[in-house]
Amino acid sequence: MEVLFMERFFLQPADRKDAETAMALIDEAKKFLKTQGIDQWQTGYPDMKTIGEDISHGRGYFIVDGSNIAAYLCIDFAGEVSYETLQGKWKSDLPYAVVHRMAICGEYRGQGIASIAFRLTEKLCIQKGIYSVRVDTDENNTIMRHVLSKNGFNYCGTIWFDNNEKYAYEKILKREVSVNGAV
C-alpha cells in the first residue's frame, strides 16, 4: 500500500510486529481519558485482541512523524454493524470508511494530530473512491466531539456500542475535480 504524506506526517499501515506499540498507545489514551473524567475505553475495550484484528485485517494505521509514531487508528472500509441501528439519520447512503480507536501519543497531544489523522484518512478514502467517513464517540468525550466538529463532521444521531450510547458523525468528502471539470 502507498504511504500517504501530509506536511511532515504520513499514514503507515501497522504490521503484526507493531501490535504492542499500538496497544501501548491505546493504554496511554485510556489513562488520558480517565484523567479527563471520560468513561470511554474504561471497561477493557479496546484490547490486544481488537488491535490484533485491526492489523490482521489491514485496517490498523500509524501516523508517523519522521521515525516517531504520533498516533494509532483503525480505518475500516467494511462498515460498522452498530451504524445500521442509528437513532437519527446519516447524511448519505454512500459507501463509507469508519475511523475507530484513535490514540495519540502524549508527546504529540495538543498539536493537531487528530486533525492531521482525519485529513490523511480522507486522502486515503478519496484514493479508494470512498466519499464518506463516519466516526462515533462517547457523549462526554467533548475533546473528540470538538475535533470532529472542527474537521467538518456532522452529528447524525446515536448508536449503541460497548454497552454505551455513542454520538455518531459523518463527513461527506468532496470529489476532486480536474481542470476540465471531470471528476
C-alpha atoms as a PDB file:
ATOM      1  CA  MET A   1       0.000   0.000   0.000  1.00  0.00           C
ATOM      2  CA  GLU A   2       1.122   3.509  -0.801  1.00  0.00           C
ATOM      3  CA  VAL A   3       2.217   5.611   2.150  1.00  0.00           C
ATOM      4  CA  LEU A   4       0.323   8.932   2.302  1.00  0.00           C
ATOM      5  CA  PHE A   5       2.124  12.140   3.332  1.00  0.00           C
ATOM      6  CA  MET A   6       0.756  15.379   4.748  1.00  0.00           C
ATOM      7  CA  GLU A   7       3.058  18.087   5.982  1.00  0.00           C
ATOM      8  CA  ARG A   8       5.743  16.148   7.848  1.00  0.00           C
ATOM      9  CA  PHE A   9       3.373  13.338   8.851  1.00  0.00           C
ATOM     10  CA  PHE A  10       2.423  10.200   6.986  1.00  0.00           C
ATOM     11  CA  LEU A  11      -0.006   7.327   7.292  1.00  0.00           C
ATOM     12  CA  GLN A  12       1.669   3.943   7.627  1.00  0.00           C
ATOM     13  CA  PRO A  13      -0.103   0.580   7.771  1.00  0.00           C
ATOM     14  CA  ALA A  14       0.654  -1.285  11.010  1.00  0.00           C
ATOM     15  CA  ASP A  15       2.327  -4.679  10.833  1.00  0.00           C
ATOM     16  CA  ARG A  16       1.904  -7.661  13.185  1.00  0.00           C
ATOM     17  CA  LYS A  17       5.153  -6.759  14.915  1.00  0.00           C
ATOM     18  CA  ASP A  18       3.618  -3.345  15.734  1.00  0.00           C
ATOM     19  CA  ALA A  19       0.712  -4.655  17.845  1.00  0.00           C
ATOM     20  CA  GLU A  20       2.394  -3.974  21.196  1.00  0.00           C
ATOM     21  CA  THR A  21       3.287  -0.417  20.124  1.00  0.00           C
ATOM     22  CA  ALA A  22      -0.315   0.196  19.072  1.00  0.00           C
ATOM     23  CA  MET A  23      -1.613  -1.255  22.331  1.00  0.00           C
ATOM     24  CA  ALA A  24       0.767   0.952  24.341  1.00  0.00           C
ATOM     25  CA  LEU A  25      -0.741   3.999  22.610  1.00  0.00           C
ATOM     26  CA  ILE A  26      -4.255   2.727  23.362  1.00  0.00           C
ATOM     27  CA  ASP A  27      -3.339   2.177  27.031  1.00  0.00           C
ATOM     28  CA  GLU A  28      -1.848   5.677  27.231  1.00  0.00           C
ATOM     29  CA  ALA A  29      -5.044   7.108  25.703  1.00  0.00           C
ATOM     30  CA  LYS A  30      -7.166   5.154  28.212  1.00  0.00           C
ATOM     31  CA  LYS A  31      -5.244   6.775  31.071  1.00  0.00           C
ATOM     32  CA  PHE A  32      -5.620  10.224  29.499  1.00  0.00           C
ATOM     33  CA  LEU A  33      -9.379   9.749  29.054  1.00  0.00           C
ATOM     34  CA  LYS A  34      -9.690   8.670  32.685  1.00  0.00           C
ATOM     35  CA  THR A  35      -7.824  11.780  33.924  1.00  0.00           C
ATOM     36  CA  GLN A  36     -10.243  13.886  31.867  1.00  0.00           C
ATOM     37  CA  GLY A  37     -13.246  12.229  33.538  1.00  0.00           C
ATOM     38  CA  ILE A  38     -14.232  10.493  30.292  1.00  0.00           C
ATOM     39  CA  ASP A  39     -15.655   6.970  30.714  1.00  0.00           C
ATOM     40  CA  GLN A  40     -14.772   5.897  27.170  1.00  0.00           C
ATOM     41  CA  TRP A  41     -12.419   2.894  26.947  1.00  0.00           C
ATOM     42  CA  GLN A  42     -12.502   2.260  30.697  1.00  0.00           C
ATOM     43  CA  THR A  43     -14.004  -1.268  30.537  1.00  0.00           C
ATOM     44  CA  GLY A  44     -11.144  -3.100  28.817  1.00  0.00           C
ATOM     45  CA  TYR A  45     -12.073  -2.278  25.221  1.00  0.00           C
ATOM     46  CA  PRO A  46     -10.086  -1.873  23.047  1.00  0.00           C
ATOM     47  CA  ASP A  47      -7.794  -4.722  23.976  1.00  0.00           C
ATOM     48  CA  MET A  48      -4.911  -6.574  22.321  1.00  0.00           C
ATOM     49  CA  LYS A  49      -7.335  -8.904  20.515  1.00  0.00           C
ATOM     50  CA  THR A  50      -9.057  -5.869  18.938  1.00  0.00           C
ATOM     51  CA  ILE A  51      -5.739  -4.326  17.880  1.00  0.00           C
ATOM     52  CA  GLY A  52      -4.533  -7.672  16.519  1.00  0.00           C
ATOM     53  CA  GLU A  53      -7.707  -7.944  14.417  1.00  0.00           C
ATOM     54  CA  ASP A  54      -7.226  -4.384  13.139  1.00  0.00           C
ATOM     55  CA  ILE A  55      -3.733  -5.222  11.991  1.00  0.00           C
ATOM     56  CA  SER A  56      -4.506  -8.672  10.554  1.00  0.00           C
ATOM     57  CA  HIS A  57      -7.395  -7.201   8.520  1.00  0.00           C
ATOM     58  CA  GLY A  58      -5.225  -4.355   7.193  1.00  0.00           C
ATOM     59  CA  ARG A  59      -7.116  -1.590   8.970  1.00  0.00           C
ATOM     60  CA  GLY A  60      -4.586  -0.594  11.661  1.00  0.00           C
ATOM     61  CA  TYR A  61      -2.506   2.507  10.873  1.00  0.00           C
ATOM     62  CA  PHE A  62       0.061   4.733  12.499  1.00  0.00           C
ATOM     63  CA  ILE A  63       0.502   8.451  11.978  1.00  0.00           C
ATOM     64  CA  VAL A  64       4.262   8.809  11.738  1.00  0.00           C
ATOM     65  CA  ASP A  65       6.426  11.919  12.138  1.00  0.00           C
ATOM     66  CA  GLY A  66       9.780  11.061  10.587  1.00  0.00           C
ATOM     67  CA  SER A  67      10.715   7.947  12.551  1.00  0.00           C
ATOM     68  CA  ASN A  68       8.423   8.735  15.525  1.00  0.00           C
ATOM     69  CA  ILE A  69       4.960   7.286  15.956  1.00  0.00           C
ATOM     70  CA  ALA A  70       2.486  10.073  16.782  1.00  0.00           C
ATOM     71  CA  ALA A  71      -0.795   8.106  16.806  1.00  0.00           C
ATOM     72  CA  TYR A  72      -2.604   4.852  16.086  1.00  0.00           C
ATOM     73  CA  LEU A  73      -6.023   4.498  14.473  1.00  0.00           C
ATOM     74  CA  CYS A  74      -8.239   1.995  12.731  1.00  0.00           C
ATOM     75  CA  ILE A  75      -9.568   2.903   9.276  1.00  0.00           C
ATOM     76  CA  ASP A  76     -12.175   0.338   8.313  1.00  0.00           C
ATOM     77  CA  PHE A  77     -13.753   0.162   4.845  1.00  0.00           C
ATOM     78  CA  ALA A  78     -16.010  -2.802   5.718  1.00  0.00           C
ATOM     79  CA  GLY A  79     -18.673  -0.760   7.521  1.00  0.00           C
ATOM     80  CA  GLU A  80     -19.901  -0.916  11.099  1.00  0.00           C
ATOM     81  CA  VAL A  81     -22.803  -3.144  12.149  1.00  0.00           C
ATOM     82  CA  SER A  82     -23.855  -0.846  15.007  1.00  0.00           C
ATOM     83  CA  TYR A  83     -24.301   2.008  12.497  1.00  0.00           C
ATOM     84  CA  GLU A  84     -27.268   0.146  10.995  1.00  0.00           C
ATOM     85  CA  THR A  85     -29.306   0.959  14.119  1.00  0.00           C
ATOM     86  CA  LEU A  86     -28.574   4.697  14.174  1.00  0.00           C
ATOM     87  CA  GLN A  87     -31.159   6.666  16.110  1.00  0.00           C
ATOM     88  CA  GLY A  88     -31.116   9.627  13.738  1.00  0.00           C
ATOM     89  CA  LYS A  89     -30.210   9.982  10.076  1.00  0.00           C
ATOM     90  CA  TRP A  90     -26.935   9.586   8.218  1.00  0.00           C
ATOM     91  CA  LYS A  91     -26.024  12.370   5.782  1.00  0.00           C
ATOM     92  CA  SER A  92     -25.683   9.895   2.915  1.00  0.00           C
ATOM     93  CA  ASP A  93     -26.109   6.315   1.763  1.00  0.00           C
ATOM     94  CA  LEU A  94     -22.618   6.335   0.225  1.00  0.00           C
ATOM     95  CA  PRO A  95     -20.095   3.596   0.919  1.00  0.00           C
ATOM     96  CA  TYR A  96     -18.036   4.835   3.872  1.00  0.00           C
ATOM     97  CA  ALA A  97     -14.914   4.392   5.937  1.00  0.00           C
ATOM     98  CA  VAL A  98     -15.079   4.246   9.714  1.00  0.00           C
ATOM     99  CA  VAL A  99     -12.403   5.715  11.959  1.00  0.00           C
ATOM    100  CA  HIS A 100     -12.090   3.862  15.260  1.00  0.00           C
ATOM    101  CA  ARG A 101      -9.605   3.674  18.106  1.00  0.00           C
ATOM    102  CA  MET A 102      -7.669   6.898  17.505  1.00  0.00           C
ATOM    103  CA  ALA A 103      -4.977   7.142  20.174  1.00  0.00           C
ATOM    104  CA  ILE A 104      -2.456   9.979  20.140  1.00  0.00           C
ATOM    105  CA  CYS A 105       0.943   9.704  21.804  1.00  0.00           C
ATOM    106  CA  GLY A 106       1.223  12.000  24.832  1.00  0.00           C
ATOM    107  CA  GLU A 107       4.215  13.825  23.309  1.00  0.00           C
ATOM    108  CA  TYR A 108       2.010  14.859  20.376  1.00  0.00           C
ATOM    109  CA  ARG A 109      -1.209  15.629  22.252  1.00  0.00           C
ATOM    110  CA  GLY A 110      -2.428  19.188  21.638  1.00  0.00           C
ATOM    111  CA  GLN A 111      -0.533  19.534  18.341  1.00  0.00           C
ATOM    112  CA  GLY A 112      -3.418  18.920  15.940  1.00  0.00           C
ATOM    113  CA  ILE A 113      -2.548  15.276  15.241  1.00  0.00           C
ATOM    114  CA  ALA A 114      -6.222  14.220  15.264  1.00  0.00           C
ATOM    115  CA  SER A 115      -6.956  16.747  12.507  1.00  0.00           C
ATOM    116  CA  ILE A 116      -3.943  15.510  10.538  1.00  0.00           C
ATOM    117  CA  ALA A 117      -5.159  11.920  11.031  1.00  0.00           C
ATOM    118  CA  PHE A 118      -8.564  12.851   9.612  1.00  0.00           C
ATOM    119  CA  ARG A 119      -7.011  14.635   6.610  1.00  0.00           C
ATOM    120  CA  LEU A 120      -4.788  11.621   5.881  1.00  0.00           C
ATOM    121  CA  THR A 121      -7.821   9.328   6.264  1.00  0.00           C
ATOM    122  CA  GLU A 122      -9.786  11.486   3.828  1.00  0.00           C
ATOM    123  CA  LYS A 123      -6.918  11.349   1.327  1.00  0.00           C
ATOM    124  CA  LEU A 124      -6.831   7.537   1.601  1.00  0.00           C
ATOM    125  CA  CYS A 125     -10.618   7.369   1.175  1.00  0.00           C
ATOM    126  CA  ILE A 126     -10.553   9.508  -1.968  1.00  0.00           C
ATOM    127  CA  GLN A 127      -7.802   7.293  -3.422  1.00  0.00           C
ATOM    128  CA  LYS A 128     -10.112   4.317  -2.848  1.00  0.00           C
ATOM    129  CA  GLY A 129     -13.168   6.089  -4.297  1.00  0.00           C
ATOM    130  CA  ILE A 130     -14.880   6.419  -0.893  1.00  0.00           C
ATOM    131  CA  TYR A 131     -16.517   9.793  -0.210  1.00  0.00           C
ATOM    132  CA  SER A 132     -17.959   9.393   3.279  1.00  0.00           C
ATOM    133  CA  VAL A 133     -16.245   8.998   6.661  1.00  0.00           C
ATOM    134  CA  ARG A 134     -18.127   8.038   9.830  1.00  0.00           C
ATOM    135  CA  VAL A 135     -16.981   8.198  13.438  1.00  0.00           C
ATOM    136  CA  ASP A 136     -18.554   7.688  16.850  1.00  0.00           C
ATOM    137  CA  THR A 137     -17.519   8.784  20.325  1.00  0.00           C
ATOM    138  CA  ASP A 138     -18.897   8.976  23.848  1.00  0.00           C
ATOM    139  CA  GLU A 139     -21.195  11.840  24.757  1.00  0.00           C
ATOM    140  CA  ASN A 140     -18.793  13.056  27.436  1.00  0.00           C
ATOM    141  CA  ASN A 141     -15.741  12.971  25.148  1.00  0.00           C
ATOM    142  CA  THR A 142     -16.016  16.692  24.439  1.00  0.00           C
ATOM    143  CA  ILE A 143     -12.431  16.784  23.167  1.00  0.00           C
ATOM    144  CA  MET A 144     -13.181  14.394  20.279  1.00  0.00           C
ATOM    145  CA  ARG A 145     -16.580  15.963  19.659  1.00  0.00           C
ATOM    146  CA  HIS A 146     -14.824  19.331  19.235  1.00  0.00           C
ATOM    147  CA  VAL A 147     -12.207  17.813  16.902  1.00  0.00           C
ATOM    148  CA  LEU A 148     -14.950  16.228  14.787  1.00  0.00           C
ATOM    149  CA  SER A 149     -16.899  19.486  14.514  1.00  0.00           C
ATOM    150  CA  LYS A 150     -13.715  21.430  13.697  1.00  0.00           C
ATOM    151  CA  ASN A 151     -12.940  18.956  10.896  1.00  0.00           C
ATOM    152  CA  GLY A 152     -16.329  19.221   9.178  1.00  0.00           C
ATOM    153  CA  PHE A 153     -18.081  16.171  10.640  1.00  0.00           C
ATOM    154  CA  ASN A 154     -21.821  16.486  11.190  1.00  0.00           C
ATOM    155  CA  TYR A 155     -23.677  14.986  14.142  1.00  0.00           C
ATOM    156  CA  CYS A 156     -26.152  12.369  12.837  1.00  0.00           C
ATOM    157  CA  GLY A 157     -27.613  10.733  15.955  1.00  0.00           C
ATOM    158  CA  THR A 158     -26.730   7.996  18.418  1.00  0.00           C
ATOM    159  CA  ILE A 159     -25.734   4.346  18.266  1.00  0.00           C
ATOM    160  CA  TRP A 160     -25.279   1.682  20.930  1.00  0.00           C
ATOM    161  CA  PHE A 161     -21.793   0.147  21.179  1.00  0.00           C
ATOM    162  CA  ASP A 162     -19.702  -1.359  24.002  1.00  0.00           C
ATOM    163  CA  ASN A 163     -22.670  -1.051  26.402  1.00  0.00           C
ATOM    164  CA  ASN A 164     -22.844   2.703  25.867  1.00  0.00           C
ATOM    165  CA  GLU A 165     -24.669   5.237  23.794  1.00  0.00           C
ATOM    166  CA  LYS A 166     -22.288   6.891  21.317  1.00  0.00           C
ATOM    167  CA  TYR A 167     -22.658  10.072  19.301  1.00  0.00           C
ATOM    168  CA  ALA A 168     -22.312   9.310  15.586  1.00  0.00           C
ATOM    169  CA  TYR A 169     -20.882  11.697  12.985  1.00  0.00           C
ATOM    170  CA  GLU A 170     -20.415  11.702   9.228  1.00  0.00           C
ATOM    171  CA  LYS A 171     -18.421  13.806   6.801  1.00  0.00           C
ATOM    172  CA  ILE A 172     -19.078  13.802   3.070  1.00  0.00           C
ATOM    173  CA  LEU A 173     -15.844  14.230   1.125  1.00  0.00           C
ATOM    174  CA  LYS A 174     -15.547  16.413  -1.924  1.00  0.00           C
ATOM    175  CA  ARG A 175     -14.685  14.650  -5.117  1.00  0.00           C
ATOM    176  CA  GLU A 176     -11.573  16.089  -6.668  1.00  0.00           C
ATOM    177  CA  VAL A 177     -12.397  17.998  -9.861  1.00  0.00           C
ATOM    178  CA  SER A 178      -9.799  18.301 -12.599  1.00  0.00           C
ATOM    179  CA  VAL A 179      -9.140  21.431 -14.661  1.00  0.00           C
ATOM    180  CA  ASN A 180     -11.588  20.302 -17.380  1.00  0.00           C
ATOM    181  CA  GLY A 181     -14.328  19.677 -14.805  1.00  0.00           C
ATOM    182  CA  ALA A 182     -14.214  15.868 -14.867  1.00  0.00           C
ATOM    183  CA  VAL A 183     -14.410  14.027 -11.578  1.00  0.00           C
END
